[in-house]
Amino acid sequence: MAKIDLAAAPIRTGTNYPAPHDAPCQLRVRRRLGDAGGLSQFGVNHLTLPPGAWSSQRHWHSHEDEFVWVLEGEVVLVTDAGETTLKAGDCAAFPAGEANGHHVVNRGATDARLLEIGTRDPRRDRTAYSDIDMIAEPGEEAYRHRDGAAYPLSTS
């Protein structure tokens, strides 16, 4: 497959984070371009963040690289080092295993659009959430508290 039919690309709105951690991410919209193209080794998403929406909870991955490129609008990148404004044309990278919790937040008045690219290694990757009591363990669907207790599975 070469050309991807954007209209047919799967769309995911919101998140499967457990409550109350899901609230800031409920308005995000991901058009899954990599899935539409049959990619299995890395993901590519066209992310739309309406005003007030977060890309995710602040997190980092043990075995997955991440890259974001702002296509339109403006977002605030929040990392362990603080906050940085990213505008159209700006990009940021997050190497696997680097414990630098990150996410982007749209604090503007218009939608922001980003391209997200990341490796996929769900059998080895552990995701740690920097600001909340939550982790995602390799190969598991449910999120866990840091002490290992499972959150209930989300129905959204």
N, C-alpha and C. Protein backbone atom coordinates (compact mmCIF):
# COMPACT_ATOMS: atom_id res chain seq x y z
N MET A 1 0.86 -1.17 0.00
CA MET A 1 0.00 0.00 0.00
C MET A 1 0.90 1.23 0.00
N ALA A 2 0.57 2.20 -0.82
CA ALA A 2 1.37 3.42 -0.86
C ALA A 2 0.58 4.60 -0.34
N LYS A 3 -0.41 5.04 -1.09
CA LYS A 3 -1.18 6.21 -0.67
C LYS A 3 -2.24 5.80 0.35
N ILE A 4 -2.32 6.55 1.41
CA ILE A 4 -3.29 6.28 2.48
C ILE A 4 -4.53 7.12 2.24
N ASP A 5 -5.68 6.48 2.29
CA ASP A 5 -6.96 7.19 2.20
C ASP A 5 -7.25 7.79 3.57
N LEU A 6 -6.98 9.09 3.71
CA LEU A 6 -7.14 9.75 5.01
C LEU A 6 -8.55 9.62 5.56
N ALA A 7 -9.54 9.66 4.68
CA ALA A 7 -10.93 9.57 5.14
C ALA A 7 -11.23 8.19 5.74
N ALA A 8 -10.47 7.19 5.34
CA ALA A 8 -10.71 5.83 5.84
C ALA A 8 -9.82 5.47 7.03
N ALA A 9 -8.90 6.36 7.41
CA ALA A 9 -8.00 6.07 8.53
C ALA A 9 -8.81 5.97 9.83
N PRO A 10 -8.51 4.98 10.66
CA PRO A 10 -9.23 4.84 11.93
C PRO A 10 -9.04 6.08 12.81
N ILE A 11 -10.11 6.47 13.50
CA ILE A 11 -10.06 7.63 14.38
C ILE A 11 -10.32 7.16 15.80
N ARG A 12 -9.53 7.69 16.72
CA ARG A 12 -9.73 7.42 18.15
C ARG A 12 -9.90 8.75 18.87
N THR A 13 -11.05 8.94 19.46
CA THR A 13 -11.33 10.15 20.23
C THR A 13 -11.27 9.81 21.71
N GLY A 14 -10.66 10.68 22.48
CA GLY A 14 -10.59 10.45 23.92
C GLY A 14 -9.45 9.53 24.29
N THR A 15 -9.63 8.82 25.39
CA THR A 15 -8.57 7.97 25.95
C THR A 15 -9.19 6.81 26.72
N ASN A 16 -8.38 5.81 26.98
CA ASN A 16 -8.84 4.71 27.85
C ASN A 16 -8.22 4.80 29.24
N TYR A 17 -7.63 5.96 29.57
CA TYR A 17 -7.14 6.15 30.93
C TYR A 17 -8.30 5.97 31.91
N PRO A 18 -8.02 5.48 33.10
CA PRO A 18 -9.07 5.39 34.11
C PRO A 18 -9.41 6.78 34.66
N ALA A 19 -10.63 6.94 35.12
CA ALA A 19 -11.05 8.19 35.76
C ALA A 19 -10.26 8.34 37.06
N PRO A 20 -9.90 9.51 37.43
CA PRO A 20 -10.17 10.81 36.82
C PRO A 20 -9.10 11.25 35.82
N HIS A 21 -8.13 10.35 35.53
CA HIS A 21 -7.00 10.72 34.69
C HIS A 21 -7.38 10.89 33.22
N ASP A 22 -8.57 10.44 32.84
CA ASP A 22 -9.02 10.55 31.47
C ASP A 22 -9.52 11.95 31.09
N ALA A 23 -9.98 12.73 32.05
CA ALA A 23 -10.69 13.99 31.78
C ALA A 23 -9.93 14.96 30.87
N PRO A 24 -8.65 15.27 31.10
CA PRO A 24 -7.99 16.28 30.25
C PRO A 24 -7.74 15.82 28.82
N CYS A 25 -7.91 14.51 28.56
CA CYS A 25 -7.59 13.96 27.24
C CYS A 25 -8.84 13.54 26.46
N GLN A 26 -10.01 13.78 26.99
CA GLN A 26 -11.23 13.29 26.35
C GLN A 26 -11.52 13.94 24.99
N LEU A 27 -11.03 15.14 24.76
CA LEU A 27 -11.34 15.84 23.51
C LEU A 27 -10.28 15.62 22.42
N ARG A 28 -9.20 14.94 22.73
CA ARG A 28 -8.16 14.71 21.72
C ARG A 28 -8.69 13.76 20.65
N VAL A 29 -8.23 13.97 19.42
CA VAL A 29 -8.65 13.12 18.30
C VAL A 29 -7.41 12.65 17.55
N ARG A 30 -7.23 11.34 17.48
CA ARG A 30 -6.10 10.76 16.77
C ARG A 30 -6.59 10.04 15.52
N ARG A 31 -6.10 10.49 14.37
CA ARG A 31 -6.33 9.77 13.11
C ARG A 31 -5.12 8.87 12.94
N ARG A 32 -5.34 7.57 12.95
CA ARG A 32 -4.26 6.58 12.99
C ARG A 32 -3.74 6.25 11.58
N LEU A 33 -2.83 7.08 11.12
CA LEU A 33 -2.32 6.96 9.76
C LEU A 33 -1.47 5.70 9.58
N GLY A 34 -0.66 5.36 10.57
CA GLY A 34 0.15 4.15 10.47
C GLY A 34 -0.70 2.91 10.36
N ASP A 35 -1.75 2.84 11.16
CA ASP A 35 -2.67 1.69 11.10
C ASP A 35 -3.32 1.62 9.73
N ALA A 36 -3.73 2.77 9.20
CA ALA A 36 -4.37 2.80 7.88
C ALA A 36 -3.42 2.31 6.79
N GLY A 37 -2.12 2.53 6.99
CA GLY A 37 -1.13 2.08 6.02
C GLY A 37 -0.60 0.68 6.28
N GLY A 38 -1.10 0.02 7.31
CA GLY A 38 -0.68 -1.34 7.61
C GLY A 38 0.66 -1.43 8.33
N LEU A 39 1.13 -0.34 8.92
CA LEU A 39 2.41 -0.36 9.62
C LEU A 39 2.28 -1.09 10.96
N SER A 40 3.29 -1.86 11.32
CA SER A 40 3.25 -2.60 12.58
C SER A 40 4.43 -2.28 13.50
N GLN A 41 5.52 -1.71 12.97
CA GLN A 41 6.70 -1.49 13.78
C GLN A 41 6.76 -0.10 14.39
N PHE A 42 6.00 0.84 13.84
CA PHE A 42 5.90 2.16 14.44
C PHE A 42 4.54 2.75 14.11
N GLY A 43 4.11 3.65 14.98
CA GLY A 43 2.82 4.29 14.81
C GLY A 43 2.99 5.71 14.29
N VAL A 44 2.01 6.14 13.50
CA VAL A 44 1.96 7.51 13.00
C VAL A 44 0.53 7.99 13.20
N ASN A 45 0.39 9.09 13.94
CA ASN A 45 -0.93 9.65 14.21
C ASN A 45 -0.98 11.11 13.82
N HIS A 46 -2.12 11.52 13.27
CA HIS A 46 -2.42 12.94 13.09
C HIS A 46 -3.30 13.30 14.28
N LEU A 47 -2.74 14.09 15.20
CA LEU A 47 -3.41 14.43 16.45
C LEU A 47 -4.01 15.81 16.37
N THR A 48 -5.30 15.92 16.70
CA THR A 48 -5.96 17.22 16.82
C THR A 48 -6.27 17.45 18.29
N LEU A 49 -5.79 18.60 18.80
CA LEU A 49 -6.04 18.98 20.19
C LEU A 49 -6.88 20.25 20.19
N PRO A 50 -8.15 20.15 20.56
CA PRO A 50 -8.96 21.36 20.72
C PRO A 50 -8.44 22.19 21.90
N PRO A 51 -8.85 23.44 22.01
CA PRO A 51 -8.43 24.26 23.15
C PRO A 51 -8.71 23.55 24.48
N GLY A 52 -7.71 23.54 25.34
CA GLY A 52 -7.83 22.92 26.66
C GLY A 52 -7.45 21.46 26.72
N ALA A 53 -7.32 20.79 25.58
CA ALA A 53 -7.04 19.35 25.57
C ALA A 53 -5.56 19.05 25.77
N TRP A 54 -5.30 17.91 26.39
CA TRP A 54 -3.95 17.39 26.57
C TRP A 54 -3.73 16.24 25.59
N SER A 55 -2.48 16.03 25.16
CA SER A 55 -2.16 14.89 24.31
C SER A 55 -2.24 13.58 25.11
N SER A 56 -1.87 13.66 26.38
CA SER A 56 -1.81 12.50 27.26
C SER A 56 -1.56 13.00 28.67
N GLN A 57 -1.56 12.09 29.61
CA GLN A 57 -0.97 12.41 30.90
C GLN A 57 0.55 12.47 30.69
N ARG A 58 1.24 13.22 31.52
CA ARG A 58 2.70 13.31 31.38
C ARG A 58 3.30 11.94 31.67
N HIS A 59 4.15 11.45 30.74
CA HIS A 59 4.64 10.07 30.80
C HIS A 59 5.99 9.94 30.10
N TRP A 60 6.59 8.75 30.25
CA TRP A 60 7.77 8.36 29.48
C TRP A 60 7.74 6.85 29.29
N HIS A 61 8.45 6.39 28.24
CA HIS A 61 8.44 4.97 27.85
C HIS A 61 9.80 4.32 28.07
N SER A 62 9.79 3.08 28.51
CA SER A 62 11.03 2.34 28.70
C SER A 62 11.64 1.87 27.37
N HIS A 63 10.79 1.52 26.38
CA HIS A 63 11.28 0.89 25.15
C HIS A 63 10.70 1.49 23.88
N GLU A 64 10.12 2.64 23.95
CA GLU A 64 9.54 3.25 22.75
C GLU A 64 10.00 4.69 22.61
N ASP A 65 10.55 5.01 21.43
CA ASP A 65 10.88 6.39 21.08
C ASP A 65 9.60 7.11 20.67
N GLU A 66 9.56 8.42 20.91
CA GLU A 66 8.43 9.24 20.47
C GLU A 66 8.95 10.52 19.82
N PHE A 67 8.20 11.00 18.83
CA PHE A 67 8.53 12.23 18.11
C PHE A 67 7.21 12.95 17.81
N VAL A 68 7.19 14.26 18.04
CA VAL A 68 6.01 15.06 17.70
C VAL A 68 6.45 16.26 16.87
N TRP A 69 5.60 16.62 15.91
CA TRP A 69 5.86 17.75 15.04
C TRP A 69 4.57 18.55 14.97
N VAL A 70 4.63 19.83 15.33
CA VAL A 70 3.45 20.68 15.29
C VAL A 70 3.22 21.12 13.85
N LEU A 71 2.06 20.78 13.33
CA LEU A 71 1.70 21.13 11.96
C LEU A 71 0.95 22.45 11.88
N GLU A 72 0.12 22.69 12.90
CA GLU A 72 -0.74 23.87 12.90
C GLU A 72 -1.08 24.25 14.32
N GLY A 73 -1.09 25.54 14.60
CA GLY A 73 -1.45 26.02 15.93
C GLY A 73 -0.24 26.10 16.85
N GLU A 74 -0.54 26.09 18.14
CA GLU A 74 0.49 26.25 19.16
C GLU A 74 0.12 25.40 20.36
N VAL A 75 1.12 24.74 20.95
CA VAL A 75 0.92 23.93 22.14
C VAL A 75 2.03 24.24 23.14
N VAL A 76 1.82 23.82 24.36
CA VAL A 76 2.85 23.93 25.39
C VAL A 76 3.36 22.52 25.68
N LEU A 77 4.65 22.33 25.49
CA LEU A 77 5.30 21.08 25.83
C LEU A 77 5.70 21.15 27.29
N VAL A 78 5.24 20.18 28.08
CA VAL A 78 5.56 20.12 29.51
C VAL A 78 6.45 18.91 29.73
N THR A 79 7.66 19.17 30.27
CA THR A 79 8.61 18.10 30.57
C THR A 79 9.12 18.28 32.00
N ASP A 80 10.01 17.42 32.41
CA ASP A 80 10.60 17.55 33.73
C ASP A 80 11.38 18.86 33.87
N ALA A 81 11.85 19.40 32.74
CA ALA A 81 12.62 20.65 32.75
C ALA A 81 11.74 21.90 32.79
N GLY A 82 10.44 21.75 32.57
CA GLY A 82 9.55 22.91 32.58
C GLY A 82 8.66 22.95 31.35
N GLU A 83 8.32 24.16 30.94
CA GLU A 83 7.39 24.35 29.83
C GLU A 83 8.07 25.09 28.68
N THR A 84 7.72 24.66 27.45
CA THR A 84 8.24 25.27 26.24
C THR A 84 7.10 25.40 25.24
N THR A 85 6.96 26.55 24.62
CA THR A 85 5.93 26.73 23.59
C THR A 85 6.44 26.14 22.28
N LEU A 86 5.60 25.33 21.65
CA LEU A 86 5.89 24.79 20.33
C LEU A 86 4.88 25.36 19.35
N LYS A 87 5.36 25.91 18.25
CA LYS A 87 4.50 26.48 17.20
C LYS A 87 4.64 25.64 15.94
N ALA A 88 3.80 25.91 14.95
CA ALA A 88 3.84 25.18 13.69
C ALA A 88 5.27 25.16 13.16
N GLY A 89 5.74 23.97 12.83
CA GLY A 89 7.09 23.77 12.34
C GLY A 89 8.05 23.29 13.41
N ASP A 90 7.70 23.44 14.68
CA ASP A 90 8.54 22.96 15.78
C ASP A 90 8.32 21.47 16.01
N CYS A 91 9.35 20.80 16.51
CA CYS A 91 9.22 19.38 16.82
C CYS A 91 10.00 19.06 18.09
N ALA A 92 9.72 17.89 18.64
CA ALA A 92 10.38 17.43 19.87
C ALA A 92 10.51 15.92 19.80
N ALA A 93 11.57 15.40 20.45
CA ALA A 93 11.82 13.96 20.45
C ALA A 93 12.05 13.47 21.87
N PHE A 94 11.62 12.23 22.10
CA PHE A 94 11.71 11.62 23.42
C PHE A 94 12.27 10.21 23.27
N PRO A 95 13.57 10.02 23.54
CA PRO A 95 14.19 8.70 23.39
C PRO A 95 13.66 7.70 24.42
N ALA A 96 13.55 6.47 23.98
CA ALA A 96 13.15 5.38 24.88
C ALA A 96 14.10 5.31 26.06
N GLY A 97 13.53 5.05 27.23
CA GLY A 97 14.33 4.86 28.43
C GLY A 97 14.76 6.13 29.13
N GLU A 98 14.52 7.28 28.52
CA GLU A 98 14.87 8.55 29.16
C GLU A 98 13.71 8.98 30.05
N ALA A 99 13.93 8.96 31.35
CA ALA A 99 12.85 9.23 32.32
C ALA A 99 12.54 10.73 32.39
N ASN A 100 11.98 11.24 31.31
CA ASN A 100 11.60 12.64 31.21
C ASN A 100 10.12 12.70 30.86
N GLY A 101 9.28 12.76 31.88
CA GLY A 101 7.84 12.80 31.64
C GLY A 101 7.48 13.99 30.77
N HIS A 102 6.61 13.74 29.78
CA HIS A 102 6.27 14.78 28.82
C HIS A 102 4.83 14.63 28.33
N HIS A 103 4.28 15.73 27.89
CA HIS A 103 3.03 15.77 27.14
C HIS A 103 2.89 17.16 26.55
N VAL A 104 1.90 17.35 25.67
CA VAL A 104 1.62 18.68 25.14
C VAL A 104 0.19 19.05 25.51
N VAL A 105 -0.01 20.35 25.72
CA VAL A 105 -1.29 20.90 26.15
C VAL A 105 -1.63 22.06 25.22
N ASN A 106 -2.87 22.10 24.76
CA ASN A 106 -3.32 23.23 23.95
C ASN A 106 -3.96 24.26 24.88
N ARG A 107 -3.24 25.33 25.16
CA ARG A 107 -3.76 26.41 25.99
C ARG A 107 -4.28 27.57 25.14
N GLY A 108 -4.28 27.40 23.83
CA GLY A 108 -4.72 28.45 22.92
C GLY A 108 -6.23 28.45 22.71
N ALA A 109 -6.66 29.28 21.76
CA ALA A 109 -8.08 29.45 21.48
C ALA A 109 -8.53 28.70 20.23
N THR A 110 -7.58 28.06 19.51
CA THR A 110 -7.92 27.33 18.29
C THR A 110 -7.33 25.93 18.35
N ASP A 111 -7.83 25.05 17.50
CA ASP A 111 -7.30 23.69 17.43
C ASP A 111 -5.82 23.70 17.08
N ALA A 112 -5.08 22.75 17.63
CA ALA A 112 -3.70 22.50 17.24
C ALA A 112 -3.65 21.12 16.59
N ARG A 113 -2.80 20.99 15.58
CA ARG A 113 -2.66 19.72 14.88
C ARG A 113 -1.19 19.31 14.89
N LEU A 114 -0.95 18.04 15.24
CA LEU A 114 0.41 17.53 15.35
C LEU A 114 0.53 16.19 14.64
N LEU A 115 1.74 15.86 14.25
CA LEU A 115 2.06 14.54 13.77
C LEU A 115 2.82 13.85 14.88
N GLU A 116 2.37 12.66 15.28
CA GLU A 116 3.03 11.86 16.31
C GLU A 116 3.59 10.60 15.65
N ILE A 117 4.83 10.29 15.97
CA ILE A 117 5.45 9.08 15.45
C ILE A 117 6.14 8.39 16.62
N GLY A 118 5.95 7.08 16.72
CA GLY A 118 6.58 6.35 17.81
C GLY A 118 6.75 4.89 17.49
N THR A 119 7.80 4.30 18.05
CA THR A 119 8.00 2.87 17.88
C THR A 119 6.94 2.11 18.66
N ARG A 120 6.74 0.87 18.28
CA ARG A 120 5.77 0.02 18.97
C ARG A 120 6.51 -1.20 19.51
N ASP A 121 6.53 -1.32 20.80
CA ASP A 121 7.16 -2.47 21.43
C ASP A 121 6.35 -2.85 22.67
N PRO A 122 5.05 -3.16 22.48
CA PRO A 122 4.18 -3.39 23.63
C PRO A 122 4.56 -4.57 24.51
N ARG A 123 5.32 -5.52 23.97
CA ARG A 123 5.72 -6.68 24.79
C ARG A 123 6.83 -6.35 25.76
N ARG A 124 7.56 -5.22 25.52
CA ARG A 124 8.66 -4.85 26.42
C ARG A 124 8.45 -3.50 27.08
N ASP A 125 7.61 -2.66 26.49
CA ASP A 125 7.52 -1.27 26.96
C ASP A 125 6.72 -1.14 28.25
N ARG A 126 7.28 -0.37 29.14
CA ARG A 126 6.61 0.04 30.39
C ARG A 126 6.46 1.55 30.32
N THR A 127 5.27 2.04 30.60
CA THR A 127 5.03 3.48 30.59
C THR A 127 4.81 3.94 32.02
N ALA A 128 5.57 4.95 32.41
CA ALA A 128 5.45 5.54 33.74
C ALA A 128 4.83 6.93 33.59
N TYR A 129 3.88 7.24 34.45
CA TYR A 129 3.18 8.52 34.42
C TYR A 129 3.72 9.37 35.57
N SER A 130 4.32 10.49 35.20
CA SER A 130 5.14 11.28 36.13
C SER A 130 4.36 11.95 37.26
N ASP A 131 3.18 12.44 36.98
CA ASP A 131 2.46 13.27 37.94
C ASP A 131 1.34 12.56 38.68
N ILE A 132 1.07 11.33 38.31
CA ILE A 132 -0.07 10.61 38.88
C ILE A 132 0.36 9.19 39.27
N ASP A 133 -0.43 8.54 40.08
CA ASP A 133 -0.16 7.19 40.54
C ASP A 133 -0.65 6.20 39.48
N MET A 134 0.13 6.10 38.37
CA MET A 134 -0.29 5.20 37.30
C MET A 134 0.92 4.74 36.49
N ILE A 135 0.88 3.46 36.09
CA ILE A 135 1.86 2.87 35.19
C ILE A 135 1.12 1.95 34.23
N ALA A 136 1.76 1.66 33.11
CA ALA A 136 1.25 0.66 32.16
C ALA A 136 2.36 -0.36 31.97
N GLU A 137 2.07 -1.60 32.30
CA GLU A 137 3.07 -2.66 32.23
C GLU A 137 3.05 -3.34 30.85
N PRO A 138 4.19 -3.90 30.43
CA PRO A 138 4.25 -4.55 29.13
C PRO A 138 3.19 -5.63 28.96
N GLY A 139 2.52 -5.61 27.81
CA GLY A 139 1.56 -6.65 27.46
C GLY A 139 0.25 -6.64 28.22
N GLU A 140 0.01 -5.63 29.05
CA GLU A 140 -1.22 -5.59 29.84
C GLU A 140 -2.14 -4.48 29.32
N GLU A 141 -3.42 -4.76 29.30
CA GLU A 141 -4.41 -3.78 28.86
C GLU A 141 -4.77 -2.80 29.97
N ALA A 142 -4.80 -3.29 31.21
CA ALA A 142 -5.20 -2.45 32.34
C ALA A 142 -4.04 -1.58 32.82
N TYR A 143 -4.38 -0.40 33.28
CA TYR A 143 -3.39 0.46 33.95
C TYR A 143 -3.29 0.02 35.40
N ARG A 144 -2.15 0.31 36.02
CA ARG A 144 -1.91 -0.07 37.40
C ARG A 144 -1.48 1.13 38.22
N HIS A 145 -1.73 1.03 39.53
CA HIS A 145 -1.14 1.97 40.48
C HIS A 145 0.33 1.59 40.60
N ARG A 146 1.13 2.48 41.11
CA ARG A 146 2.56 2.19 41.26
C ARG A 146 2.82 0.99 42.18
N ASP A 147 1.88 0.71 43.09
CA ASP A 147 2.05 -0.45 43.99
C ASP A 147 1.64 -1.76 43.32
N GLY A 148 1.20 -1.69 42.05
CA GLY A 148 0.83 -2.89 41.30
C GLY A 148 -0.66 -3.17 41.25
N ALA A 149 -1.47 -2.53 42.08
CA ALA A 149 -2.91 -2.77 42.06
C ALA A 149 -3.49 -2.22 40.75
N ALA A 150 -4.38 -2.99 40.15
CA ALA A 150 -4.97 -2.62 38.85
C ALA A 150 -6.09 -1.59 39.02
N TYR A 151 -6.12 -0.65 38.09
CA TYR A 151 -7.28 0.22 37.94
C TYR A 151 -8.37 -0.57 37.24
N PRO A 152 -9.64 -0.24 37.44
CA PRO A 152 -10.69 -0.90 36.66
C PRO A 152 -10.51 -0.57 35.18
N LEU A 153 -10.85 -1.51 34.30
CA LEU A 153 -10.77 -1.23 32.86
C LEU A 153 -11.75 -0.16 32.49
N SER A 154 -11.32 0.76 31.63
CA SER A 154 -12.15 1.87 31.18
C SER A 154 -13.18 1.37 30.18
N THR A 155 -14.35 1.99 30.18
CA THR A 155 -15.38 1.62 29.21
C THR A 155 -15.48 2.65 28.10
N SER A 156 -14.66 3.72 28.13
CA SER A 156 -14.74 4.73 27.08
C SER A 156 -13.89 4.39 25.89
